[in-house]
Amino acid sequence: MKTIHNINKWSFIITLLLYVTIYLGLLAQIPLGFIQFVLAFSILAHWKKLNNLSKKLIVGYWSLFVLYWITFFILNQNLESMFGLFFFSIIPMSIASYFVYVTYRIKKYQEQIELKPSYCN
């Protein structure tokens, strides 16, 4: 889980840095979204190893992800310039930052389990 968090964190940071030029930041969201989608599926593969908080966080991420894409396909034809900027940059980056938090919490939980003495299991 540490690797998942590091990949997620650094791809998010790179995307933020590319927002120095707005155009490159918007383009960088595409690979960031793909990376996070793949990472979220890999976390689902370890579902039984997650604690309840981690499960709630990952379900929250998937709910935001699905809600965003449903809204995207419904409103795609009617996006005005100001709302379009909000919808294509701020909302996806907010969801991405939430996923960075999710992977951080999962990583911290995994580290706590590893640090427990064997007699506590």
PDB file of N, CA and C in Angstrom:
ATOM      1  N   MET A   1       0.813  -1.197   0.000  1.00  0.00           N
ATOM      2  CA  MET A   1       0.000   0.000   0.000  1.00  0.00           C
ATOM      3  C   MET A   1       0.858   1.263   0.000  1.00  0.00           C
ATOM      4  N   LYS A   2       2.070   1.145   0.505  1.00  0.00           N
ATOM      5  CA  LYS A   2       2.971   2.294   0.500  1.00  0.00           C
ATOM      6  C   LYS A   2       3.294   2.709  -0.940  1.00  0.00           C
ATOM      7  N   THR A   3       3.511   1.725  -1.789  1.00  0.00           N
ATOM      8  CA  THR A   3       3.809   2.006  -3.200  1.00  0.00           C
ATOM      9  C   THR A   3       2.616   2.668  -3.880  1.00  0.00           C
ATOM     10  N   ILE A   4       1.430   2.177  -3.597  1.00  0.00           N
ATOM     11  CA  ILE A   4       0.219   2.756  -4.184  1.00  0.00           C
ATOM     12  C   ILE A   4       0.104   4.221  -3.785  1.00  0.00           C
ATOM     13  N   HIS A   5       0.316   4.494  -2.511  1.00  0.00           N
ATOM     14  CA  HIS A   5       0.216   5.883  -2.054  1.00  0.00           C
ATOM     15  C   HIS A   5       1.286   6.759  -2.709  1.00  0.00           C
ATOM     16  N   ASN A   6       2.513   6.260  -2.805  1.00  0.00           N
ATOM     17  CA  ASN A   6       3.585   7.065  -3.402  1.00  0.00           C
ATOM     18  C   ASN A   6       3.326   7.364  -4.873  1.00  0.00           C
ATOM     19  N   ILE A   7       2.871   6.376  -5.612  1.00  0.00           N
ATOM     20  CA  ILE A   7       2.526   6.602  -7.029  1.00  0.00           C
ATOM     21  C   ILE A   7       1.428   7.646  -7.133  1.00  0.00           C
ATOM     22  N   ASN A   8       0.408   7.496  -6.299  1.00  0.00           N
ATOM     23  CA  ASN A   8      -0.718   8.423  -6.314  1.00  0.00           C
ATOM     24  C   ASN A   8      -0.282   9.832  -5.921  1.00  0.00           C
ATOM     25  N   LYS A   9       0.478   9.925  -4.844  1.00  0.00           N
ATOM     26  CA  LYS A   9       0.921  11.231  -4.346  1.00  0.00           C
ATOM     27  C   LYS A   9       1.766  11.957  -5.391  1.00  0.00           C
ATOM     28  N   TRP A  10       2.737  11.265  -5.983  1.00  0.00           N
ATOM     29  CA  TRP A  10       3.619  11.930  -6.933  1.00  0.00           C
ATOM     30  C   TRP A  10       2.934  12.273  -8.248  1.00  0.00           C
ATOM     31  N   SER A  11       2.017  11.434  -8.699  1.00  0.00           N
ATOM     32  CA  SER A  11       1.291  11.792  -9.922  1.00  0.00           C
ATOM     33  C   SER A  11       0.384  12.997  -9.666  1.00  0.00           C
ATOM     34  N   PHE A  12      -0.174  13.105  -8.453  1.00  0.00           N
ATOM     35  CA  PHE A  12      -0.985  14.270  -8.089  1.00  0.00           C
ATOM     36  C   PHE A  12      -0.122  15.530  -8.013  1.00  0.00           C
ATOM     37  N   ILE A  13       1.041  15.428  -7.391  1.00  0.00           N
ATOM     38  CA  ILE A  13       1.941  16.583  -7.267  1.00  0.00           C
ATOM     39  C   ILE A  13       2.405  17.060  -8.642  1.00  0.00           C
ATOM     40  N   ILE A  14       2.742  16.125  -9.519  1.00  0.00           N
ATOM     41  CA  ILE A  14       3.171  16.496 -10.873  1.00  0.00           C
ATOM     42  C   ILE A  14       2.048  17.225 -11.607  1.00  0.00           C
ATOM     43  N   THR A  15       0.827  16.728 -11.452  1.00  0.00           N
ATOM     44  CA  THR A  15      -0.321  17.389 -12.087  1.00  0.00           C
ATOM     45  C   THR A  15      -0.502  18.801 -11.542  1.00  0.00           C
ATOM     46  N   LEU A  16      -0.383  18.952 -10.225  1.00  0.00           N
ATOM     47  CA  LEU A  16      -0.487  20.299  -9.634  1.00  0.00           C
ATOM     48  C   LEU A  16       0.592  21.230 -10.167  1.00  0.00           C
ATOM     49  N   LEU A  17       1.816  20.716 -10.278  1.00  0.00           N
ATOM     50  CA  LEU A  17       2.909  21.547 -10.796  1.00  0.00           C
ATOM     51  C   LEU A  17       2.665  21.952 -12.242  1.00  0.00           C
ATOM     52  N   LEU A  18       2.065  21.064 -13.014  1.00  0.00           N
ATOM     53  CA  LEU A  18       1.780  21.393 -14.409  1.00  0.00           C
ATOM     54  C   LEU A  18       0.663  22.428 -14.547  1.00  0.00           C
ATOM     55  N   TYR A  19      -0.065  22.667 -13.455  1.00  0.00           N
ATOM     56  CA  TYR A  19      -1.081  23.721 -13.485  1.00  0.00           C
ATOM     57  C   TYR A  19      -0.473  25.117 -13.513  1.00  0.00           C
ATOM     58  N   VAL A  20       0.865  25.225 -13.446  1.00  0.00           N
ATOM     59  CA  VAL A  20       1.517  26.522 -13.656  1.00  0.00           C
ATOM     60  C   VAL A  20       1.092  27.030 -15.028  1.00  0.00           C
ATOM     61  N   THR A  21       1.064  26.130 -16.001  1.00  0.00           N
ATOM     62  CA  THR A  21       0.439  26.435 -17.281  1.00  0.00           C
ATOM     63  C   THR A  21      -0.886  25.683 -17.272  1.00  0.00           C
ATOM     64  N   ILE A  22      -1.962  26.388 -17.254  1.00  0.00           N
ATOM     65  CA  ILE A  22      -3.283  25.776 -17.066  1.00  0.00           C
ATOM     66  C   ILE A  22      -3.526  24.660 -18.066  1.00  0.00           C
ATOM     67  N   TYR A  23      -3.130  24.859 -19.298  1.00  0.00           N
ATOM     68  CA  TYR A  23      -3.366  23.868 -20.349  1.00  0.00           C
ATOM     69  C   TYR A  23      -2.695  22.532 -20.025  1.00  0.00           C
ATOM     70  N   LEU A  24      -1.420  22.569 -19.608  1.00  0.00           N
ATOM     71  CA  LEU A  24      -0.722  21.318 -19.282  1.00  0.00           C
ATOM     72  C   LEU A  24      -1.317  20.649 -18.048  1.00  0.00           C
ATOM     73  N   GLY A  25      -1.791  21.452 -17.101  1.00  0.00           N
ATOM     74  CA  GLY A  25      -2.453  20.888 -15.926  1.00  0.00           C
ATOM     75  C   GLY A  25      -3.720  20.153 -16.288  1.00  0.00           C
ATOM     76  N   LEU A  26      -4.504  20.758 -17.178  1.00  0.00           N
ATOM     77  CA  LEU A  26      -5.729  20.085 -17.632  1.00  0.00           C
ATOM     78  C   LEU A  26      -5.406  18.790 -18.371  1.00  0.00           C
ATOM     79  N   LEU A  27      -4.367  18.829 -19.199  1.00  0.00           N
ATOM     80  CA  LEU A  27      -3.973  17.612 -19.913  1.00  0.00           C
ATOM     81  C   LEU A  27      -3.423  16.546 -18.958  1.00  0.00           C
ATOM     82  N   ALA A  28      -2.723  16.963 -17.927  1.00  0.00           N
ATOM     83  CA  ALA A  28      -2.140  16.017 -16.976  1.00  0.00           C
ATOM     84  C   ALA A  28      -3.212  15.321 -16.136  1.00  0.00           C
ATOM     85  N   GLN A  29      -4.399  15.921 -16.053  1.00  0.00           N
ATOM     86  CA  GLN A  29      -5.482  15.276 -15.323  1.00  0.00           C
ATOM     87  C   GLN A  29      -5.898  13.961 -15.960  1.00  0.00           C
ATOM     88  N   ILE A  30      -5.710  13.825 -17.258  1.00  0.00           N
ATOM     89  CA  ILE A  30      -6.120  12.598 -17.955  1.00  0.00           C
ATOM     90  C   ILE A  30      -5.296  11.403 -17.475  1.00  0.00           C
ATOM     91  N   PRO A  31      -3.950  11.463 -17.523  1.00  0.00           N
ATOM     92  CA  PRO A  31      -3.201  10.326 -16.982  1.00  0.00           C
ATOM     93  C   PRO A  31      -3.372  10.168 -15.470  1.00  0.00           C
ATOM     94  N   LEU A  32      -3.534  11.276 -14.740  1.00  0.00           N
ATOM     95  CA  LEU A  32      -3.773  11.179 -13.297  1.00  0.00           C
ATOM     96  C   LEU A  32      -5.061  10.404 -13.029  1.00  0.00           C
ATOM     97  N   GLY A  33      -6.102  10.710 -13.764  1.00  0.00           N
ATOM     98  CA  GLY A  33      -7.371   9.994 -13.603  1.00  0.00           C
ATOM     99  C   GLY A  33      -7.231   8.509 -13.910  1.00  0.00           C
ATOM    100  N   PHE A  34      -6.500   8.201 -14.965  1.00  0.00           N
ATOM    101  CA  PHE A  34      -6.285   6.792 -15.324  1.00  0.00           C
ATOM    102  C   PHE A  34      -5.478   6.084 -14.240  1.00  0.00           C
ATOM    103  N   ILE A  35      -4.417   6.735 -13.757  1.00  0.00           N
ATOM    104  CA  ILE A  35      -3.581   6.145 -12.705  1.00  0.00           C
ATOM    105  C   ILE A  35      -4.418   5.889 -11.456  1.00  0.00           C
ATOM    106  N   GLN A  36      -5.219   6.867 -11.066  1.00  0.00           N
ATOM    107  CA  GLN A  36      -6.029   6.698  -9.863  1.00  0.00           C
ATOM    108  C   GLN A  36      -7.095   5.628 -10.040  1.00  0.00           C
ATOM    109  N   PHE A  37      -7.645   5.521 -11.222  1.00  0.00           N
ATOM    110  CA  PHE A  37      -8.633   4.468 -11.514  1.00  0.00           C
ATOM    111  C   PHE A  37      -7.995   3.087 -11.335  1.00  0.00           C
ATOM    112  N   VAL A  38      -6.808   2.903 -11.891  1.00  0.00           N
ATOM    113  CA  VAL A  38      -6.095   1.626 -11.769  1.00  0.00           C
ATOM    114  C   VAL A  38      -5.723   1.348 -10.315  1.00  0.00           C
ATOM    115  N   LEU A  39      -5.245   2.364  -9.614  1.00  0.00           N
ATOM    116  CA  LEU A  39      -4.876   2.191  -8.210  1.00  0.00           C
ATOM    117  C   LEU A  39      -6.091   1.852  -7.352  1.00  0.00           C
ATOM    118  N   ALA A  40      -7.224   2.474  -7.625  1.00  0.00           N
ATOM    119  CA  ALA A  40      -8.440   2.180  -6.864  1.00  0.00           C
ATOM    120  C   ALA A  40      -8.874   0.739  -7.075  1.00  0.00           C
ATOM    121  N   PHE A  41      -8.738   0.237  -8.305  1.00  0.00           N
ATOM    122  CA  PHE A  41      -9.050  -1.177  -8.556  1.00  0.00           C
ATOM    123  C   PHE A  41      -8.075  -2.090  -7.832  1.00  0.00           C
ATOM    124  N   SER A  42      -6.817  -1.701  -7.772  1.00  0.00           N
ATOM    125  CA  SER A  42      -5.846  -2.546  -7.068  1.00  0.00           C
ATOM    126  C   SER A  42      -6.130  -2.558  -5.565  1.00  0.00           C
ATOM    127  N   ILE A  43      -6.649  -1.457  -5.027  1.00  0.00           N
ATOM    128  CA  ILE A  43      -7.045  -1.444  -3.619  1.00  0.00           C
ATOM    129  C   ILE A  43      -8.241  -2.368  -3.403  1.00  0.00           C
ATOM    130  N   LEU A  44      -9.166  -2.385  -4.338  1.00  0.00           N
ATOM    131  CA  LEU A  44     -10.318  -3.287  -4.219  1.00  0.00           C
ATOM    132  C   LEU A  44      -9.885  -4.753  -4.187  1.00  0.00           C
ATOM    133  N   ALA A  45      -8.775  -5.058  -4.836  1.00  0.00           N
ATOM    134  CA  ALA A  45      -8.268  -6.432  -4.823  1.00  0.00           C
ATOM    135  C   ALA A  45      -7.826  -6.849  -3.424  1.00  0.00           C
ATOM    136  N   HIS A  46      -7.547  -5.877  -2.560  1.00  0.00           N
ATOM    137  CA  HIS A  46      -7.120  -6.146  -1.183  1.00  0.00           C
ATOM    138  C   HIS A  46      -8.228  -5.812  -0.184  1.00  0.00           C
ATOM    139  N   TRP A  47      -9.470  -5.875  -0.616  1.00  0.00           N
ATOM    140  CA  TRP A  47     -10.617  -5.448   0.178  1.00  0.00           C
ATOM    141  C   TRP A  47     -10.651  -6.101   1.571  1.00  0.00           C
ATOM    142  N   LYS A  48     -10.390  -7.376   1.643  1.00  0.00           N
ATOM    143  CA  LYS A  48     -10.487  -8.093   2.919  1.00  0.00           C
ATOM    144  C   LYS A  48      -9.415  -7.664   3.915  1.00  0.00           C
ATOM    145  N   LYS A  49      -8.328  -7.094   3.441  1.00  0.00           N
ATOM    146  CA  LYS A  49      -7.241  -6.647   4.320  1.00  0.00           C
ATOM    147  C   LYS A  49      -7.489  -5.249   4.882  1.00  0.00           C
ATOM    148  N   LEU A  50      -8.504  -4.549   4.382  1.00  0.00           N
ATOM    149  CA  LEU A  50      -8.761  -3.177   4.798  1.00  0.00           C
ATOM    150  C   LEU A  50      -9.597  -3.135   6.073  1.00  0.00           C
ATOM    151  N   ASN A  51      -9.360  -2.116   6.896  1.00  0.00           N
ATOM    152  CA  ASN A  51     -10.204  -1.917   8.070  1.00  0.00           C
ATOM    153  C   ASN A  51     -11.482  -1.193   7.648  1.00  0.00           C
ATOM    154  N   ASN A  52     -12.415  -1.024   8.582  1.00  0.00           N
ATOM    155  CA  ASN A  52     -13.706  -0.411   8.245  1.00  0.00           C
ATOM    156  C   ASN A  52     -13.564   1.018   7.742  1.00  0.00           C
ATOM    157  N   LEU A  53     -12.689   1.812   8.367  1.00  0.00           N
ATOM    158  CA  LEU A  53     -12.497   3.185   7.912  1.00  0.00           C
ATOM    159  C   LEU A  53     -11.977   3.221   6.478  1.00  0.00           C
ATOM    160  N   SER A  54     -11.006   2.374   6.175  1.00  0.00           N
ATOM    161  CA  SER A  54     -10.452   2.334   4.818  1.00  0.00           C
ATOM    162  C   SER A  54     -11.516   1.928   3.812  1.00  0.00           C
ATOM    163  N   LYS A  55     -12.366   0.970   4.188  1.00  0.00           N
ATOM    164  CA  LYS A  55     -13.450   0.545   3.291  1.00  0.00           C
ATOM    165  C   LYS A  55     -14.425   1.691   3.046  1.00  0.00           C
ATOM    166  N   LYS A  56     -14.759   2.438   4.099  1.00  0.00           N
ATOM    167  CA  LYS A  56     -15.672   3.577   3.931  1.00  0.00           C
ATOM    168  C   LYS A  56     -15.051   4.639   3.038  1.00  0.00           C
ATOM    169  N   LEU A  57     -13.768   4.894   3.224  1.00  0.00           N
ATOM    170  CA  LEU A  57     -13.089   5.898   2.407  1.00  0.00           C
ATOM    171  C   LEU A  57     -13.055   5.498   0.942  1.00  0.00           C
ATOM    172  N   ILE A  58     -12.756   4.230   0.659  1.00  0.00           N
ATOM    173  CA  ILE A  58     -12.678   3.794  -0.740  1.00  0.00           C
ATOM    174  C   ILE A  58     -14.070   3.757  -1.387  1.00  0.00           C
ATOM    175  N   VAL A  59     -15.092   3.403  -0.617  1.00  0.00           N
ATOM    176  CA  VAL A  59     -16.467   3.455  -1.136  1.00  0.00           C
ATOM    177  C   VAL A  59     -16.849   4.911  -1.419  1.00  0.00           C
ATOM    178  N   GLY A  60     -16.426   5.818  -0.544  1.00  0.00           N
ATOM    179  CA  GLY A  60     -16.675   7.243  -0.787  1.00  0.00           C
ATOM    180  C   GLY A  60     -16.007   7.721  -2.063  1.00  0.00           C
ATOM    181  N   TYR A  61     -14.779   7.271  -2.298  1.00  0.00           N
ATOM    182  CA  TYR A  61     -14.081   7.651  -3.527  1.00  0.00           C
ATOM    183  C   TYR A  61     -14.835   7.134  -4.749  1.00  0.00           C
ATOM    184  N   TRP A  62     -15.207   5.851  -4.733  1.00  0.00           N
ATOM    185  CA  TRP A  62     -15.910   5.280  -5.879  1.00  0.00           C
ATOM    186  C   TRP A  62     -17.255   5.983  -6.095  1.00  0.00           C
ATOM    187  N   SER A  63     -17.925   6.366  -5.017  1.00  0.00           N
ATOM    188  CA  SER A  63     -19.195   7.084  -5.154  1.00  0.00           C
ATOM    189  C   SER A  63     -18.984   8.432  -5.839  1.00  0.00           C
ATOM    190  N   LEU A  64     -17.963   9.167  -5.414  1.00  0.00           N
ATOM    191  CA  LEU A  64     -17.646  10.447  -6.058  1.00  0.00           C
ATOM    192  C   LEU A  64     -17.268  10.256  -7.527  1.00  0.00           C
ATOM    193  N   PHE A  65     -16.470   9.222  -7.783  1.00  0.00           N
ATOM    194  CA  PHE A  65     -16.026   8.929  -9.143  1.00  0.00           C
ATOM    195  C   PHE A  65     -17.217   8.658 -10.063  1.00  0.00           C
ATOM    196  N   VAL A  66     -18.107   7.777  -9.623  1.00  0.00           N
ATOM    197  CA  VAL A  66     -19.272   7.423 -10.449  1.00  0.00           C
ATOM    198  C   VAL A  66     -20.210   8.615 -10.595  1.00  0.00           C
ATOM    199  N   LEU A  67     -20.452   9.345  -9.524  1.00  0.00           N
ATOM    200  CA  LEU A  67     -21.324  10.510  -9.583  1.00  0.00           C
ATOM    201  C   LEU A  67     -20.771  11.569 -10.540  1.00  0.00           C
ATOM    202  N   TYR A  68     -19.464  11.782 -10.496  1.00  0.00           N
ATOM    203  CA  TYR A  68     -18.853  12.747 -11.410  1.00  0.00           C
ATOM    204  C   TYR A  68     -19.082  12.336 -12.865  1.00  0.00           C
ATOM    205  N   TRP A  69     -18.829  11.074 -13.191  1.00  0.00           N
ATOM    206  CA  TRP A  69     -18.962  10.643 -14.583  1.00  0.00           C
ATOM    207  C   TRP A  69     -20.409  10.615 -15.048  1.00  0.00           C
ATOM    208  N   ILE A  70     -21.333  10.272 -14.178  1.00  0.00           N
ATOM    209  CA  ILE A  70     -22.753  10.336 -14.550  1.00  0.00           C
ATOM    210  C   ILE A  70     -23.135  11.784 -14.853  1.00  0.00           C
ATOM    211  N   THR A  71     -22.719  12.687 -13.982  1.00  0.00           N
ATOM    212  CA  THR A  71     -22.994  14.112 -14.184  1.00  0.00           C
ATOM    213  C   THR A  71     -22.318  14.621 -15.456  1.00  0.00           C
ATOM    214  N   PHE A  72     -21.104  14.171 -15.701  1.00  0.00           N
ATOM    215  CA  PHE A  72     -20.381  14.581 -16.902  1.00  0.00           C
ATOM    216  C   PHE A  72     -21.165  14.220 -18.161  1.00  0.00           C
ATOM    217  N   PHE A  73     -21.659  12.984 -18.235  1.00  0.00           N
ATOM    218  CA  PHE A  73     -22.380  12.559 -19.438  1.00  0.00           C
ATOM    219  C   PHE A  73     -23.745  13.222 -19.560  1.00  0.00           C
ATOM    220  N   ILE A  74     -24.364  13.569 -18.448  1.00  0.00           N
ATOM    221  CA  ILE A  74     -25.658  14.249 -18.502  1.00  0.00           C
ATOM    222  C   ILE A  74     -25.490  15.714 -18.910  1.00  0.00           C
ATOM    223  N   LEU A  75     -24.492  16.387 -18.333  1.00  0.00           N
ATOM    224  CA  LEU A  75     -24.326  17.825 -18.561  1.00  0.00           C
ATOM    225  C   LEU A  75     -23.342  18.177 -19.662  1.00  0.00           C
ATOM    226  N   ASN A  76     -22.756  17.215 -20.296  1.00  0.00           N
ATOM    227  CA  ASN A  76     -21.692  17.462 -21.266  1.00  0.00           C
ATOM    228  C   ASN A  76     -22.100  18.458 -22.351  1.00  0.00           C
ATOM    229  N   GLN A  77     -23.314  18.423 -22.796  1.00  0.00           N
ATOM    230  CA  GLN A  77     -23.753  19.305 -23.877  1.00  0.00           C
ATOM    231  C   GLN A  77     -24.054  20.723 -23.389  1.00  0.00           C
ATOM    232  N   ASN A  78     -24.286  20.884 -22.099  1.00  0.00           N
ATOM    233  CA  ASN A  78     -24.765  22.171 -21.578  1.00  0.00           C
ATOM    234  C   ASN A  78     -23.750  22.895 -20.703  1.00  0.00           C
ATOM    235  N   LEU A  79     -22.478  22.581 -20.813  1.00  0.00           N
ATOM    236  CA  LEU A  79     -21.484  23.220 -19.959  1.00  0.00           C
ATOM    237  C   LEU A  79     -21.133  24.608 -20.499  1.00  0.00           C
ATOM    238  N   GLU A  80     -21.333  25.616 -19.662  1.00  0.00           N
ATOM    239  CA  GLU A  80     -20.952  26.972 -20.025  1.00  0.00           C
ATOM    240  C   GLU A  80     -19.520  27.214 -19.583  1.00  0.00           C
ATOM    241  N   SER A  81     -18.930  28.296 -20.032  1.00  0.00           N
ATOM    242  CA  SER A  81     -17.499  28.517 -19.832  1.00  0.00           C
ATOM    243  C   SER A  81     -17.080  28.511 -18.363  1.00  0.00           C
ATOM    244  N   MET A  82     -17.739  29.271 -17.488  1.00  0.00           N
ATOM    245  CA  MET A  82     -17.333  29.325 -16.086  1.00  0.00           C
ATOM    246  C   MET A  82     -17.612  27.993 -15.385  1.00  0.00           C
ATOM    247  N   PHE A  83     -18.767  27.436 -15.605  1.00  0.00           N
ATOM    248  CA  PHE A  83     -19.097  26.157 -14.991  1.00  0.00           C
ATOM    249  C   PHE A  83     -18.233  25.055 -15.583  1.00  0.00           C
ATOM    250  N   GLY A  84     -17.906  25.162 -16.857  1.00  0.00           N
ATOM    251  CA  GLY A  84     -17.036  24.181 -17.497  1.00  0.00           C
ATOM    252  C   GLY A  84     -15.657  24.156 -16.865  1.00  0.00           C
ATOM    253  N   LEU A  85     -15.117  25.333 -16.583  1.00  0.00           N
ATOM    254  CA  LEU A  85     -13.816  25.406 -15.914  1.00  0.00           C
ATOM    255  C   LEU A  85     -13.884  24.733 -14.548  1.00  0.00           C
ATOM    256  N   PHE A  86     -14.930  25.019 -13.811  1.00  0.00           N
ATOM    257  CA  PHE A  86     -15.141  24.409 -12.499  1.00  0.00           C
ATOM    258  C   PHE A  86     -15.287  22.893 -12.632  1.00  0.00           C
ATOM    259  N   PHE A  87     -16.079  22.471 -13.612  1.00  0.00           N
ATOM    260  CA  PHE A  87     -16.401  21.055 -13.776  1.00  0.00           C
ATOM    261  C   PHE A  87     -15.219  20.246 -14.300  1.00  0.00           C
ATOM    262  N   PHE A  88     -14.386  20.851 -15.152  1.00  0.00           N
ATOM    263  CA  PHE A  88     -13.273  20.104 -15.745  1.00  0.00           C
ATOM    264  C   PHE A  88     -11.963  20.235 -14.987  1.00  0.00           C
ATOM    265  N   SER A  89     -11.870  21.165 -14.049  1.00  0.00           N
ATOM    266  CA  SER A  89     -10.600  21.303 -13.336  1.00  0.00           C
ATOM    267  C   SER A  89     -10.750  21.171 -11.825  1.00  0.00           C
ATOM    268  N   ILE A  90     -11.622  21.927 -11.227  1.00  0.00           N
ATOM    269  CA  ILE A  90     -11.702  21.961  -9.770  1.00  0.00           C
ATOM    270  C   ILE A  90     -12.316  20.683  -9.204  1.00  0.00           C
ATOM    271  N   ILE A  91     -13.414  20.232  -9.754  1.00  0.00           N
ATOM    272  CA  ILE A  91     -14.050  19.016  -9.235  1.00  0.00           C
ATOM    273  C   ILE A  91     -13.148  17.791  -9.399  1.00  0.00           C
ATOM    274  N   PRO A  92     -12.573  17.530 -10.586  1.00  0.00           N
ATOM    275  CA  PRO A  92     -11.700  16.349 -10.697  1.00  0.00           C
ATOM    276  C   PRO A  92     -10.476  16.417  -9.781  1.00  0.00           C
ATOM    277  N   MET A  93      -9.896  17.606  -9.618  1.00  0.00           N
ATOM    278  CA  MET A  93      -8.736  17.720  -8.737  1.00  0.00           C
ATOM    279  C   MET A  93      -9.139  17.567  -7.274  1.00  0.00           C
ATOM    280  N   SER A  94     -10.355  17.945  -6.932  1.00  0.00           N
ATOM    281  CA  SER A  94     -10.851  17.718  -5.569  1.00  0.00           C
ATOM    282  C   SER A  94     -11.027  16.223  -5.306  1.00  0.00           C
ATOM    283  N   ILE A  95     -11.583  15.524  -6.280  1.00  0.00           N
ATOM    284  CA  ILE A  95     -11.729  14.068  -6.143  1.00  0.00           C
ATOM    285  C   ILE A  95     -10.350  13.413  -6.073  1.00  0.00           C
ATOM    286  N   ALA A  96      -9.420  13.897  -6.878  1.00  0.00           N
ATOM    287  CA  ALA A  96      -8.054  13.350  -6.867  1.00  0.00           C
ATOM    288  C   ALA A  96      -7.379  13.592  -5.525  1.00  0.00           C
ATOM    289  N   SER A  97      -7.569  14.781  -4.958  1.00  0.00           N
ATOM    290  CA  SER A  97      -6.951  15.050  -3.656  1.00  0.00           C
ATOM    291  C   SER A  97      -7.576  14.187  -2.565  1.00  0.00           C
ATOM    292  N   TYR A  98      -8.870  13.926  -2.664  1.00  0.00           N
ATOM    293  CA  TYR A  98      -9.521  13.016  -1.721  1.00  0.00           C
ATOM    294  C   TYR A  98      -8.918  11.618  -1.831  1.00  0.00           C
ATOM    295  N   PHE A  99      -8.638  11.177  -3.044  1.00  0.00           N
ATOM    296  CA  PHE A  99      -8.056   9.841  -3.217  1.00  0.00           C
ATOM    297  C   PHE A  99      -6.632   9.779  -2.665  1.00  0.00           C
ATOM    298  N   VAL A 100      -5.888  10.884  -2.749  1.00  0.00           N
ATOM    299  CA  VAL A 100      -4.566  10.928  -2.114  1.00  0.00           C
ATOM    300  C   VAL A 100      -4.728  10.732  -0.606  1.00  0.00           C
ATOM    301  N   TYR A 101      -5.726  11.382  -0.030  1.00  0.00           N
ATOM    302  CA  TYR A 101      -6.013  11.205   1.400  1.00  0.00           C
ATOM    303  C   TYR A 101      -6.388   9.753   1.707  1.00  0.00           C
ATOM    304  N   VAL A 102      -7.209   9.147   0.859  1.00  0.00           N
ATOM    305  CA  VAL A 102      -7.623   7.754   1.059  1.00  0.00           C
ATOM    306  C   VAL A 102      -6.405   6.834   1.062  1.00  0.00           C
ATOM    307  N   THR A 103      -5.531   6.988   0.078  1.00  0.00           N
ATOM    308  CA  THR A 103      -4.353   6.115   0.031  1.00  0.00           C
ATOM    309  C   THR A 103      -3.413   6.383   1.194  1.00  0.00           C
ATOM    310  N   TYR A 104      -3.341   7.625   1.650  1.00  0.00           N
ATOM    311  CA  TYR A 104      -2.528   7.950   2.822  1.00  0.00           C
ATOM    312  C   TYR A 104      -3.058   7.232   4.057  1.00  0.00           C
ATOM    313  N   ARG A 105      -4.363   7.283   4.269  1.00  0.00           N
ATOM    314  CA  ARG A 105      -4.957   6.622   5.436  1.00  0.00           C
ATOM    315  C   ARG A 105      -4.782   5.104   5.375  1.00  0.00           C
ATOM    316  N   ILE A 106      -4.929   4.526   4.205  1.00  0.00           N
ATOM    317  CA  ILE A 106      -4.732   3.082   4.058  1.00  0.00           C
ATOM    318  C   ILE A 106      -3.277   2.727   4.339  1.00  0.00           C
ATOM    319  N   LYS A 107      -2.359   3.535   3.840  1.00  0.00           N
ATOM    320  CA  LYS A 107      -0.934   3.300   4.094  1.00  0.00           C
ATOM    321  C   LYS A 107      -0.633   3.380   5.585  1.00  0.00           C
ATOM    322  N   LYS A 108      -1.172   4.375   6.264  1.00  0.00           N
ATOM    323  CA  LYS A 108      -0.943   4.530   7.707  1.00  0.00           C
ATOM    324  C   LYS A 108      -1.500   3.337   8.474  1.00  0.00           C
ATOM    325  N   TYR A 109      -2.666   2.851   8.083  1.00  0.00           N
ATOM    326  CA  TYR A 109      -3.255   1.682   8.740  1.00  0.00           C
ATOM    327  C   TYR A 109      -2.354   0.458   8.546  1.00  0.00           C
ATOM    328  N   GLN A 110      -1.852   0.273   7.333  1.00  0.00           N
ATOM    329  CA  GLN A 110      -0.970  -0.867   7.055  1.00  0.00           C
ATOM    330  C   GLN A 110       0.314  -0.777   7.873  1.00  0.00           C
ATOM    331  N   GLU A 111       0.847   0.440   8.034  1.00  0.00           N
ATOM    332  CA  GLU A 111       2.060   0.614   8.837  1.00  0.00           C
ATOM    333  C   GLU A 111       1.803   0.288  10.302  1.00  0.00           C
ATOM    334  N   GLN A 112       0.621   0.631  10.810  1.00  0.00           N
ATOM    335  CA  GLN A 112       0.288   0.320  12.199  1.00  0.00           C
ATOM    336  C   GLN A 112       0.211  -1.188  12.417  1.00  0.00           C
ATOM    337  N   ILE A 113      -0.347  -1.892  11.461  1.00  0.00           N
ATOM    338  CA  ILE A 113      -0.447  -3.351  11.569  1.00  0.00           C
ATOM    339  C   ILE A 113       0.946  -3.970  11.584  1.00  0.00           C
ATOM    340  N   GLU A 114       1.836  -3.476  10.731  1.00  0.00           N
ATOM    341  CA  GLU A 114       3.188  -4.021  10.646  1.00  0.00           C
ATOM    342  C   GLU A 114       3.996  -3.755  11.912  1.00  0.00           C
ATOM    343  N   LEU A 115       3.699  -2.667  12.621  1.00  0.00           N
ATOM    344  CA  LEU A 115       4.464  -2.317  13.811  1.00  0.00           C
ATOM    345  C   LEU A 115       3.976  -3.016  15.080  1.00  0.00           C
ATOM    346  N   LYS A 116       2.808  -3.641  15.013  1.00  0.00           N
ATOM    347  CA  LYS A 116       2.286  -4.346  16.189  1.00  0.00           C
ATOM    348  C   LYS A 116       3.177  -5.524  16.515  1.00  0.00           C
ATOM    349  N   PRO A 117       3.430  -5.750  17.800  1.00  0.00           N
ATOM    350  CA  PRO A 117       4.178  -6.964  18.175  1.00  0.00           C
ATOM    351  C   PRO A 117       3.360  -8.209  17.842  1.00  0.00           C
ATOM    352  N   SER A 118       4.013  -9.288  17.558  1.00  0.00           N
ATOM    353  CA  SER A 118       3.331 -10.512  17.124  1.00  0.00           C
ATOM    354  C   SER A 118       2.394 -11.062  18.189  1.00  0.00           C
ATOM    355  N   TYR A 119       2.639 -10.804  19.469  1.00  0.00           N
ATOM    356  CA  TYR A 119       1.764 -11.321  20.503  1.00  0.00           C
ATOM    357  C   TYR A 119       0.434 -10.563  20.576  1.00  0.00           C
ATOM    358  N   CYS A 120       0.306  -9.445  19.873  1.00  0.00           N
ATOM    359  CA  CYS A 120      -0.956  -8.690  19.870  1.00  0.00           C
ATOM    360  C   CYS A 120      -1.930  -9.204  18.823  1.00  0.00           C
ATOM    361  N   ASN A 121      -1.493 -10.048  17.931  1.00  0.00           N
ATOM    362  CA  ASN A 121      -2.370 -10.538  16.855  1.00  0.00           C
ATOM    363  C   ASN A 121      -3.308 -11.580  17.313  1.00  0.00           C
TER     364      ASN A 121
END
